[in-house]
Amino acid sequence: MGRTLFFASAIASVLLLLSCQKSQTPQPPSAAIADSKSCFSLVPDVTLWDIAGTSLTPKGSVQIGEKLVLLGQTRHATLNGKDRDLLKVRQDTGSEGWVSADYVVSNAILAVTTSDTVIYSVPRNTAATPVNIPRMTVLAIHSDSGGMPFIRVSYYDPTGKDGLKEVYLRNEGVSARPDDVQAALLLQLAAASKSPKQQEAFLTSGITDYPGSLFLPQLQAALDTLRAPPAPPPQPAAASGAPPLGGQAASANSTQTQASSAAAPAQAPAPQGQAAGPASSSTPQ
């Protein structure tokens, strides 16, 4: 009986050890997905509003790429002279507020362009437009088009009209890998920041936390540029009234030459028909 209990205990220990080893095996991170009850912000620094009656007060901001929980409430309001639909959301910090529905997207996969990508007006090879989405643009792939030859995406164009654009892309030149998406987000945050310390923190985090990103060279180059010593200041220009070195000597020599010329006796005029100098022709007087 004791021997049976011993073997049973040993087998249980081995199974527990194998289970622990299996759970410790690193798994590849999955793409960030928003369902019908959540959404992504695709615009930098979206205002988070607090509503009391008919009064709106800014209470915080939402970063680009941030995932929010939709709380199922909507309001209509006028912001900056434009009519907006507002959605009530909750951040990971627990903070709740309202954001403009024009800047967020649900039922989508967060992704980033890995090259300049041509926009198509419809999902057809012959519908290519002359417009590109630039490399490292964070966008959302709508879930109903994932895995198709053409994907429907939403993105923010800072040079275009207010709100998000919805277009079609070929299913290439776009990555939903978290390393690529997060590295691109950190690069954008560093570019938008005016604090060198904050910029360095963003770039260092991107290099350390997402070493498998396609954008690692850009992160490292940006960090090297930030840490490079400042260029030496330009040398002050010489005072406007003082002649340069060497100019004084030249001036003195010129004065001395003029004085010698003045002291020399005048040369007699040449006889008629004779050249006054080395010239081969004569001028009659």
C-alpha atoms as a PDB file:
ATOM      1  CA  MET A   1       0.000   0.000   0.000  1.00  0.00           C
ATOM      2  CA  GLY A   2       2.837   2.385   0.913  1.00  0.00           C
ATOM      3  CA  ARG A   3       4.665   1.585  -2.312  1.00  0.00           C
ATOM      4  CA  THR A   4       1.489   2.309  -4.346  1.00  0.00           C
ATOM      5  CA  LEU A   5       1.074   5.679  -2.659  1.00  0.00           C
ATOM      6  CA  PHE A   6       4.735   6.484  -3.350  1.00  0.00           C
ATOM      7  CA  PHE A   7       4.417   5.792  -7.080  1.00  0.00           C
ATOM      8  CA  ALA A   8       1.163   7.723  -7.290  1.00  0.00           C
ATOM      9  CA  SER A   9       2.787  10.699  -5.619  1.00  0.00           C
ATOM     10  CA  ALA A  10       5.797  10.510  -7.932  1.00  0.00           C
ATOM     11  CA  ILE A  11       3.605  10.412 -11.052  1.00  0.00           C
ATOM     12  CA  ALA A  12       1.609  13.392  -9.796  1.00  0.00           C
ATOM     13  CA  SER A  13       4.826  15.354  -9.237  1.00  0.00           C
ATOM     14  CA  VAL A  14       6.058  14.622 -12.771  1.00  0.00           C
ATOM     15  CA  LEU A  15       2.734  15.680 -14.290  1.00  0.00           C
ATOM     16  CA  LEU A  16       2.776  18.896 -12.267  1.00  0.00           C
ATOM     17  CA  LEU A  17       6.328  19.641 -13.411  1.00  0.00           C
ATOM     18  CA  LEU A  18       5.423  19.067 -17.073  1.00  0.00           C
ATOM     19  CA  SER A  19       2.363  21.275 -16.675  1.00  0.00           C
ATOM     20  CA  CYS A  20       4.487  24.076 -15.239  1.00  0.00           C
ATOM     21  CA  GLN A  21       7.044  23.781 -18.039  1.00  0.00           C
ATOM     22  CA  LYS A  22       4.280  23.919 -20.633  1.00  0.00           C
ATOM     23  CA  SER A  23       2.756  27.038 -19.089  1.00  0.00           C
ATOM     24  CA  GLN A  24       6.177  28.726 -19.033  1.00  0.00           C
ATOM     25  CA  THR A  25       6.748  28.180 -22.747  1.00  0.00           C
ATOM     26  CA  PRO A  26       6.535  31.640 -24.382  1.00  0.00           C
ATOM     27  CA  GLN A  27       3.659  31.968 -26.801  1.00  0.00           C
ATOM     28  CA  PRO A  28       3.677  34.392 -29.732  1.00  0.00           C
ATOM     29  CA  PRO A  29       1.612  37.487 -28.887  1.00  0.00           C
ATOM     30  CA  SER A  30      -1.699  37.770 -30.656  1.00  0.00           C
ATOM     31  CA  ALA A  31      -2.862  40.800 -32.591  1.00  0.00           C
ATOM     32  CA  ALA A  32      -4.814  43.517 -30.785  1.00  0.00           C
ATOM     33  CA  ILE A  33      -8.506  43.071 -31.624  1.00  0.00           C
ATOM     34  CA  ALA A  34     -11.519  45.238 -30.799  1.00  0.00           C
ATOM     35  CA  ASP A  35     -14.930  43.558 -30.848  1.00  0.00           C
ATOM     36  CA  SER A  36     -18.380  45.154 -30.816  1.00  0.00           C
ATOM     37  CA  LYS A  37     -17.944  46.111 -27.149  1.00  0.00           C
ATOM     38  CA  SER A  38     -14.592  47.836 -27.520  1.00  0.00           C
ATOM     39  CA  CYS A  39     -12.811  50.214 -29.883  1.00  0.00           C
ATOM     40  CA  PHE A  40      -9.423  51.633 -30.839  1.00  0.00           C
ATOM     41  CA  SER A  41      -8.489  55.279 -31.055  1.00  0.00           C
ATOM     42  CA  LEU A  42      -6.730  56.069 -34.343  1.00  0.00           C
ATOM     43  CA  VAL A  43      -6.043  59.742 -33.686  1.00  0.00           C
ATOM     44  CA  PRO A  44      -3.333  61.205 -31.416  1.00  0.00           C
ATOM     45  CA  ASP A  45      -4.584  62.819 -28.217  1.00  0.00           C
ATOM     46  CA  VAL A  46      -8.340  62.374 -28.576  1.00  0.00           C
ATOM     47  CA  THR A  47     -10.104  64.424 -25.909  1.00  0.00           C
ATOM     48  CA  LEU A  48     -11.926  62.512 -23.191  1.00  0.00           C
ATOM     49  CA  TRP A  49     -14.956  64.581 -22.158  1.00  0.00           C
ATOM     50  CA  ASP A  50     -16.989  64.787 -18.987  1.00  0.00           C
ATOM     51  CA  ILE A  51     -20.672  65.657 -19.478  1.00  0.00           C
ATOM     52  CA  ALA A  52     -22.778  67.336 -16.800  1.00  0.00           C
ATOM     53  CA  GLY A  53     -26.219  68.232 -18.140  1.00  0.00           C
ATOM     54  CA  THR A  54     -25.495  70.065 -21.365  1.00  0.00           C
ATOM     55  CA  SER A  55     -21.991  71.146 -20.337  1.00  0.00           C
ATOM     56  CA  LEU A  56     -18.884  69.385 -21.686  1.00  0.00           C
ATOM     57  CA  THR A  57     -15.571  69.608 -19.869  1.00  0.00           C
ATOM     58  CA  PRO A  58     -12.298  67.988 -20.985  1.00  0.00           C
ATOM     59  CA  LYS A  59     -11.073  65.534 -18.330  1.00  0.00           C
ATOM     60  CA  GLY A  60      -8.218  63.743 -20.094  1.00  0.00           C
ATOM     61  CA  SER A  61      -6.986  62.345 -23.387  1.00  0.00           C
ATOM     62  CA  VAL A  62      -6.802  59.053 -25.270  1.00  0.00           C
ATOM     63  CA  GLN A  63      -3.625  58.073 -27.096  1.00  0.00           C
ATOM     64  CA  ILE A  64      -3.474  56.681 -30.617  1.00  0.00           C
ATOM     65  CA  GLY A  65      -3.805  52.884 -30.581  1.00  0.00           C
ATOM     66  CA  GLU A  66      -5.389  52.845 -27.125  1.00  0.00           C
ATOM     67  CA  LYS A  67      -8.133  50.254 -26.639  1.00  0.00           C
ATOM     68  CA  LEU A  68     -11.317  51.437 -24.899  1.00  0.00           C
ATOM     69  CA  VAL A  69     -14.316  49.619 -23.472  1.00  0.00           C
ATOM     70  CA  LEU A  70     -17.628  50.787 -24.911  1.00  0.00           C
ATOM     71  CA  LEU A  71     -20.209  51.331 -22.171  1.00  0.00           C
ATOM     72  CA  GLY A  72     -23.215  51.355 -24.522  1.00  0.00           C
ATOM     73  CA  GLN A  73     -24.250  54.989 -24.133  1.00  0.00           C
ATOM     74  CA  THR A  74     -24.319  57.652 -26.843  1.00  0.00           C
ATOM     75  CA  ARG A  75     -24.892  61.391 -26.810  1.00  0.00           C
ATOM     76  CA  HIS A  76     -25.173  64.083 -29.441  1.00  0.00           C
ATOM     77  CA  ALA A  77     -23.239  67.304 -28.905  1.00  0.00           C
ATOM     78  CA  THR A  78     -21.697  70.262 -30.708  1.00  0.00           C
ATOM     79  CA  LEU A  79     -17.907  70.462 -30.468  1.00  0.00           C
ATOM     80  CA  ASN A  80     -15.955  73.290 -32.062  1.00  0.00           C
ATOM     81  CA  GLY A  81     -18.995  74.248 -34.086  1.00  0.00           C
ATOM     82  CA  LYS A  82     -19.565  70.721 -35.473  1.00  0.00           C
ATOM     83  CA  ASP A  83     -22.232  68.179 -34.576  1.00  0.00           C
ATOM     84  CA  ARG A  84     -20.688  65.056 -33.058  1.00  0.00           C
ATOM     85  CA  ASP A  85     -21.868  61.679 -31.857  1.00  0.00           C
ATOM     86  CA  LEU A  86     -20.192  60.871 -28.549  1.00  0.00           C
ATOM     87  CA  LEU A  87     -19.601  57.395 -27.104  1.00  0.00           C
ATOM     88  CA  LYS A  88     -19.150  56.676 -23.423  1.00  0.00           C
ATOM     89  CA  VAL A  89     -15.962  54.670 -22.840  1.00  0.00           C
ATOM     90  CA  ARG A  90     -13.704  53.347 -20.099  1.00  0.00           C
ATOM     91  CA  GLN A  91      -9.925  53.368 -20.186  1.00  0.00           C
ATOM     92  CA  ASP A  92      -7.659  50.671 -18.742  1.00  0.00           C
ATOM     93  CA  THR A  93      -7.038  53.022 -15.820  1.00  0.00           C
ATOM     94  CA  GLY A  94     -10.752  52.895 -14.965  1.00  0.00           C
ATOM     95  CA  SER A  95     -11.348  56.483 -16.025  1.00  0.00           C
ATOM     96  CA  GLU A  96     -14.685  56.958 -17.822  1.00  0.00           C
ATOM     97  CA  GLY A  97     -15.728  59.678 -20.212  1.00  0.00           C
ATOM     98  CA  TRP A  98     -16.992  60.475 -23.685  1.00  0.00           C
ATOM     99  CA  VAL A  99     -15.096  60.453 -26.989  1.00  0.00           C
ATOM    100  CA  SER A 100     -16.083  61.469 -30.503  1.00  0.00           C
ATOM    101  CA  ALA A 101     -17.256  58.501 -32.578  1.00  0.00           C
ATOM    102  CA  ASP A 102     -15.399  60.023 -35.555  1.00  0.00           C
ATOM    103  CA  TYR A 103     -12.020  59.058 -34.079  1.00  0.00           C
ATOM    104  CA  VAL A 104     -12.525  55.440 -32.942  1.00  0.00           C
ATOM    105  CA  VAL A 105     -13.343  52.136 -34.646  1.00  0.00           C
ATOM    106  CA  SER A 106     -14.812  48.834 -33.419  1.00  0.00           C
ATOM    107  CA  ASN A 107     -14.766  45.280 -34.814  1.00  0.00           C
ATOM    108  CA  ALA A 108     -11.242  45.746 -36.094  1.00  0.00           C
ATOM    109  CA  ILE A 109      -7.625  44.602 -35.819  1.00  0.00           C
ATOM    110  CA  LEU A 110      -4.938  47.146 -34.997  1.00  0.00           C
ATOM    111  CA  ALA A 111      -2.179  47.179 -37.633  1.00  0.00           C
ATOM    112  CA  VAL A 112       0.512  49.334 -39.236  1.00  0.00           C
ATOM    113  CA  THR A 113       1.765  49.845 -42.790  1.00  0.00           C
ATOM    114  CA  THR A 114       5.283  48.492 -43.391  1.00  0.00           C
ATOM    115  CA  SER A 115       5.709  50.341 -46.694  1.00  0.00           C
ATOM    116  CA  ASP A 116       4.002  53.100 -48.667  1.00  0.00           C
ATOM    117  CA  THR A 117       0.749  51.363 -49.601  1.00  0.00           C
ATOM    118  CA  VAL A 118      -1.484  52.172 -52.575  1.00  0.00           C
ATOM    119  CA  ILE A 119      -5.138  52.958 -51.839  1.00  0.00           C
ATOM    120  CA  TYR A 120      -7.879  51.295 -53.911  1.00  0.00           C
ATOM    121  CA  SER A 121     -11.298  52.891 -54.312  1.00  0.00           C
ATOM    122  CA  VAL A 122     -12.963  49.465 -54.407  1.00  0.00           C
ATOM    123  CA  PRO A 123     -11.566  45.950 -53.791  1.00  0.00           C
ATOM    124  CA  ARG A 124     -10.505  45.377 -57.410  1.00  0.00           C
ATOM    125  CA  ASN A 125      -7.097  45.309 -59.116  1.00  0.00           C
ATOM    126  CA  THR A 126      -8.146  47.953 -61.642  1.00  0.00           C
ATOM    127  CA  ALA A 127      -9.256  50.421 -58.960  1.00  0.00           C
ATOM    128  CA  ALA A 128      -5.824  51.607 -57.796  1.00  0.00           C
ATOM    129  CA  THR A 129      -5.628  55.332 -56.993  1.00  0.00           C
ATOM    130  CA  PRO A 130      -2.577  57.642 -57.154  1.00  0.00           C
ATOM    131  CA  VAL A 131      -2.752  58.067 -53.362  1.00  0.00           C
ATOM    132  CA  ASN A 132      -0.569  56.173 -50.871  1.00  0.00           C
ATOM    133  CA  ILE A 133      -0.815  55.601 -47.143  1.00  0.00           C
ATOM    134  CA  PRO A 134       2.675  56.386 -45.789  1.00  0.00           C
ATOM    135  CA  ARG A 135       4.844  53.782 -44.100  1.00  0.00           C
ATOM    136  CA  MET A 136       4.362  53.396 -40.319  1.00  0.00           C
ATOM    137  CA  THR A 137       0.754  54.636 -40.409  1.00  0.00           C
ATOM    138  CA  VAL A 138      -1.304  53.013 -37.650  1.00  0.00           C
ATOM    139  CA  LEU A 139      -4.662  51.800 -38.944  1.00  0.00           C
ATOM    140  CA  ALA A 140      -7.498  49.376 -38.202  1.00  0.00           C
ATOM    141  CA  ILE A 141      -8.344  46.406 -40.424  1.00  0.00           C
ATOM    142  CA  HIS A 142     -12.081  45.770 -40.343  1.00  0.00           C
ATOM    143  CA  SER A 143     -12.675  42.222 -39.138  1.00  0.00           C
ATOM    144  CA  ASP A 144     -15.027  41.310 -41.977  1.00  0.00           C
ATOM    145  CA  SER A 145     -12.199  41.715 -44.515  1.00  0.00           C
ATOM    146  CA  GLY A 146      -9.352  40.029 -42.652  1.00  0.00           C
ATOM    147  CA  GLY A 147      -7.565  37.384 -44.738  1.00  0.00           C
ATOM    148  CA  MET A 148      -9.112  38.575 -48.021  1.00  0.00           C
ATOM    149  CA  PRO A 149      -7.029  39.663 -51.056  1.00  0.00           C
ATOM    150  CA  PHE A 150      -8.182  43.218 -50.357  1.00  0.00           C
ATOM    151  CA  ILE A 151      -8.712  44.568 -46.854  1.00  0.00           C
ATOM    152  CA  ARG A 152     -10.954  47.405 -45.726  1.00  0.00           C
ATOM    153  CA  VAL A 153      -9.166  49.730 -43.354  1.00  0.00           C
ATOM    154  CA  SER A 154      -9.747  52.937 -41.433  1.00  0.00           C
ATOM    155  CA  TYR A 155      -6.956  55.411 -40.751  1.00  0.00           C
ATOM    156  CA  TYR A 156      -6.407  59.030 -39.795  1.00  0.00           C
ATOM    157  CA  ASP A 157      -5.007  61.397 -42.405  1.00  0.00           C
ATOM    158  CA  PRO A 158      -3.780  64.572 -40.667  1.00  0.00           C
ATOM    159  CA  THR A 159      -3.740  66.442 -43.994  1.00  0.00           C
ATOM    160  CA  GLY A 160      -7.305  65.529 -44.950  1.00  0.00           C
ATOM    161  CA  LYS A 161     -10.763  66.239 -43.610  1.00  0.00           C
ATOM    162  CA  ASP A 162     -11.723  65.812 -39.991  1.00  0.00           C
ATOM    163  CA  GLY A 163     -12.301  62.216 -38.877  1.00  0.00           C
ATOM    164  CA  LEU A 164     -11.177  58.822 -40.171  1.00  0.00           C
ATOM    165  CA  LYS A 165     -10.936  57.638 -43.759  1.00  0.00           C
ATOM    166  CA  GLU A 166     -12.184  54.218 -44.848  1.00  0.00           C
ATOM    167  CA  VAL A 167     -10.388  52.761 -47.889  1.00  0.00           C
ATOM    168  CA  TYR A 168      -9.233  49.481 -49.437  1.00  0.00           C
ATOM    169  CA  LEU A 169      -5.674  48.127 -49.579  1.00  0.00           C
ATOM    170  CA  ARG A 170      -4.122  45.019 -50.993  1.00  0.00           C
ATOM    171  CA  ASN A 171      -3.478  42.521 -48.221  1.00  0.00           C
ATOM    172  CA  GLU A 172       0.269  43.178 -48.281  1.00  0.00           C
ATOM    173  CA  GLY A 173       2.574  45.788 -46.818  1.00  0.00           C
ATOM    174  CA  VAL A 174       0.521  45.755 -43.600  1.00  0.00           C
ATOM    175  CA  SER A 175       1.466  44.110 -40.295  1.00  0.00           C
ATOM    176  CA  ALA A 176      -0.733  43.295 -37.294  1.00  0.00           C
ATOM    177  CA  ARG A 177       2.222  41.962 -35.253  1.00  0.00           C
ATOM    178  CA  PRO A 178       2.162  43.636 -31.826  1.00  0.00           C
ATOM    179  CA  ASP A 179       5.916  44.346 -31.989  1.00  0.00           C
ATOM    180  CA  ASP A 180       5.482  46.315 -35.207  1.00  0.00           C
ATOM    181  CA  VAL A 181       2.338  48.130 -34.080  1.00  0.00           C
ATOM    182  CA  GLN A 182       3.698  49.128 -30.674  1.00  0.00           C
ATOM    183  CA  ALA A 183       7.062  50.224 -32.093  1.00  0.00           C
ATOM    184  CA  ALA A 184       5.299  52.446 -34.625  1.00  0.00           C
ATOM    185  CA  LEU A 185       3.122  53.928 -31.884  1.00  0.00           C
ATOM    186  CA  LEU A 186       6.160  54.731 -29.734  1.00  0.00           C
ATOM    187  CA  LEU A 187       7.930  56.332 -32.685  1.00  0.00           C
ATOM    188  CA  GLN A 188       4.898  58.551 -33.279  1.00  0.00           C
ATOM    189  CA  LEU A 189       4.671  59.489 -29.609  1.00  0.00           C
ATOM    190  CA  ALA A 190       8.369  60.369 -29.557  1.00  0.00           C
ATOM    191  CA  ALA A 191       7.998  62.519 -32.677  1.00  0.00           C
ATOM    192  CA  ALA A 192       5.036  64.373 -31.165  1.00  0.00           C
ATOM    193  CA  SER A 193       6.719  65.021 -27.814  1.00  0.00           C
ATOM    194  CA  LYS A 194       8.602  68.256 -27.113  1.00  0.00           C
ATOM    195  CA  SER A 195      10.459  66.810 -24.102  1.00  0.00           C
ATOM    196  CA  PRO A 196      13.849  65.189 -24.873  1.00  0.00           C
ATOM    197  CA  LYS A 197      13.558  63.012 -21.755  1.00  0.00           C
ATOM    198  CA  GLN A 198      10.112  61.796 -22.793  1.00  0.00           C
ATOM    199  CA  GLN A 199      11.329  61.169 -26.329  1.00  0.00           C
ATOM    200  CA  GLU A 200      14.216  59.093 -25.000  1.00  0.00           C
ATOM    201  CA  ALA A 201      11.848  57.099 -22.786  1.00  0.00           C
ATOM    202  CA  PHE A 202       9.553  56.271 -25.713  1.00  0.00           C
ATOM    203  CA  LEU A 203      12.408  55.251 -28.012  1.00  0.00           C
ATOM    204  CA  THR A 204      14.220  53.205 -25.361  1.00  0.00           C
ATOM    205  CA  SER A 205      11.000  51.374 -24.540  1.00  0.00           C
ATOM    206  CA  GLY A 206      10.460  50.557 -28.208  1.00  0.00           C
ATOM    207  CA  ILE A 207      13.972  49.116 -28.565  1.00  0.00           C
ATOM    208  CA  THR A 208      13.912  47.168 -25.289  1.00  0.00           C
ATOM    209  CA  ASP A 209      10.339  45.886 -25.282  1.00  0.00           C
ATOM    210  CA  TYR A 210       9.861  45.185 -29.007  1.00  0.00           C
ATOM    211  CA  PRO A 211      13.218  43.964 -30.369  1.00  0.00           C
ATOM    212  CA  GLY A 212      11.519  41.926 -33.094  1.00  0.00           C
ATOM    213  CA  SER A 213       9.937  44.939 -34.766  1.00  0.00           C
ATOM    214  CA  LEU A 214      10.597  45.779 -38.399  1.00  0.00           C
ATOM    215  CA  PHE A 215      11.032  49.375 -37.244  1.00  0.00           C
ATOM    216  CA  LEU A 216      13.932  48.679 -34.881  1.00  0.00           C
ATOM    217  CA  PRO A 217      16.456  50.481 -37.165  1.00  0.00           C
ATOM    218  CA  GLN A 218      14.270  53.607 -37.142  1.00  0.00           C
ATOM    219  CA  LEU A 219      13.961  53.465 -33.362  1.00  0.00           C
ATOM    220  CA  GLN A 220      17.726  53.130 -32.935  1.00  0.00           C
ATOM    221  CA  ALA A 221      18.509  55.861 -35.453  1.00  0.00           C
ATOM    222  CA  ALA A 222      16.095  58.258 -33.727  1.00  0.00           C
ATOM    223  CA  LEU A 223      17.640  57.480 -30.335  1.00  0.00           C
ATOM    224  CA  ASP A 224      21.193  57.947 -31.661  1.00  0.00           C
ATOM    225  CA  THR A 225      20.228  61.311 -33.126  1.00  0.00           C
ATOM    226  CA  LEU A 226      18.642  62.370 -29.850  1.00  0.00           C
ATOM    227  CA  ARG A 227      21.758  61.400 -27.853  1.00  0.00           C
ATOM    228  CA  ALA A 228      24.267  62.892 -30.287  1.00  0.00           C
ATOM    229  CA  PRO A 229      26.296  65.786 -28.825  1.00  0.00           C
ATOM    230  CA  PRO A 230      25.141  69.215 -29.965  1.00  0.00           C
ATOM    231  CA  ALA A 231      26.999  70.824 -32.836  1.00  0.00           C
ATOM    232  CA  PRO A 232      29.613  73.437 -31.796  1.00  0.00           C
ATOM    233  CA  PRO A 233      28.367  77.017 -31.971  1.00  0.00           C
ATOM    234  CA  PRO A 234      29.462  79.032 -35.026  1.00  0.00           C
ATOM    235  CA  GLN A 235      32.533  81.261 -34.635  1.00  0.00           C
ATOM    236  CA  PRO A 236      31.699  84.943 -34.142  1.00  0.00           C
ATOM    237  CA  ALA A 237      32.257  87.112 -37.223  1.00  0.00           C
ATOM    238  CA  ALA A 238      35.001  89.782 -37.239  1.00  0.00           C
ATOM    239  CA  ALA A 239      34.049  93.327 -36.256  1.00  0.00           C
ATOM    240  CA  SER A 240      32.718  95.295 -39.214  1.00  0.00           C
ATOM    241  CA  GLY A 241      35.240  98.195 -38.915  1.00  0.00           C
ATOM    242  CA  ALA A 242      38.468  96.207 -38.455  1.00  0.00           C
ATOM    243  CA  PRO A 243      40.401  95.024 -41.510  1.00  0.00           C
ATOM    244  CA  PRO A 244      41.365  91.340 -41.591  1.00  0.00           C
ATOM    245  CA  LEU A 245      44.872  90.184 -40.745  1.00  0.00           C
ATOM    246  CA  GLY A 246      47.097  90.728 -43.758  1.00  0.00           C
ATOM    247  CA  GLY A 247      44.897  93.576 -44.878  1.00  0.00           C
ATOM    248  CA  GLN A 248      46.817  95.977 -42.633  1.00  0.00           C
ATOM    249  CA  ALA A 249      50.130  94.987 -44.226  1.00  0.00           C
ATOM    250  CA  ALA A 250      48.651  95.302 -47.679  1.00  0.00           C
ATOM    251  CA  SER A 251      47.353  98.760 -46.827  1.00  0.00           C
ATOM    252  CA  ALA A 252      50.746  99.826 -45.472  1.00  0.00           C
ATOM    253  CA  ASN A 253      52.531  98.559 -48.581  1.00  0.00           C
ATOM    254  CA  SER A 254      50.080 100.418 -50.792  1.00  0.00           C
ATOM    255  CA  THR A 255      50.681 103.666 -48.867  1.00  0.00           C
ATOM    256  CA  GLN A 256      54.437 103.232 -49.121  1.00  0.00           C
ATOM    257  CA  THR A 257      54.224 102.604 -52.872  1.00  0.00           C
ATOM    258  CA  GLN A 258      52.144 105.755 -53.361  1.00  0.00           C
ATOM    259  CA  ALA A 259      54.663 107.789 -51.357  1.00  0.00           C
ATOM    260  CA  SER A 260      57.590 106.478 -53.437  1.00  0.00           C
ATOM    261  CA  SER A 261      55.793 107.323 -56.649  1.00  0.00           C
ATOM    262  CA  ALA A 262      55.171 110.836 -55.468  1.00  0.00           C
ATOM    263  CA  ALA A 263      58.839 111.314 -54.560  1.00  0.00           C
ATOM    264  CA  ALA A 264      60.210 110.077 -57.935  1.00  0.00           C
ATOM    265  CA  PRO A 265      61.067 112.726 -60.649  1.00  0.00           C
ATOM    266  CA  ALA A 266      58.650 113.123 -63.490  1.00  0.00           C
ATOM    267  CA  GLN A 267      59.612 111.346 -66.736  1.00  0.00           C
ATOM    268  CA  ALA A 268      60.374 113.555 -69.724  1.00  0.00           C
ATOM    269  CA  PRO A 269      57.915 113.366 -72.622  1.00  0.00           C
ATOM    270  CA  ALA A 270      58.979 111.123 -75.457  1.00  0.00           C
ATOM    271  CA  PRO A 271      60.168 112.732 -78.692  1.00  0.00           C
ATOM    272  CA  GLN A 272      57.704 113.070 -81.496  1.00  0.00           C
ATOM    273  CA  GLY A 273      57.252 109.754 -83.311  1.00  0.00           C
ATOM    274  CA  GLN A 274      58.813 107.714 -80.495  1.00  0.00           C
ATOM    275  CA  ALA A 275      56.758 105.395 -78.342  1.00  0.00           C
ATOM    276  CA  ALA A 276      56.301 106.502 -74.752  1.00  0.00           C
ATOM    277  CA  GLY A 277      56.354 102.946 -73.484  1.00  0.00           C
ATOM    278  CA  PRO A 278      56.711  99.383 -74.570  1.00  0.00           C
ATOM    279  CA  ALA A 279      53.742  99.594 -76.974  1.00  0.00           C
ATOM    280  CA  SER A 280      54.614  98.963 -80.625  1.00  0.00           C
ATOM    281  CA  SER A 281      52.442 101.797 -82.028  1.00  0.00           C
ATOM    282  CA  SER A 282      52.912 105.512 -81.535  1.00  0.00           C
ATOM    283  CA  THR A 283      50.337 108.187 -81.009  1.00  0.00           C
ATOM    284  CA  PRO A 284      51.044 111.604 -82.699  1.00  0.00           C
ATOM    285  CA  GLN A 285      50.934 114.577 -80.363  1.00  0.00           C
END
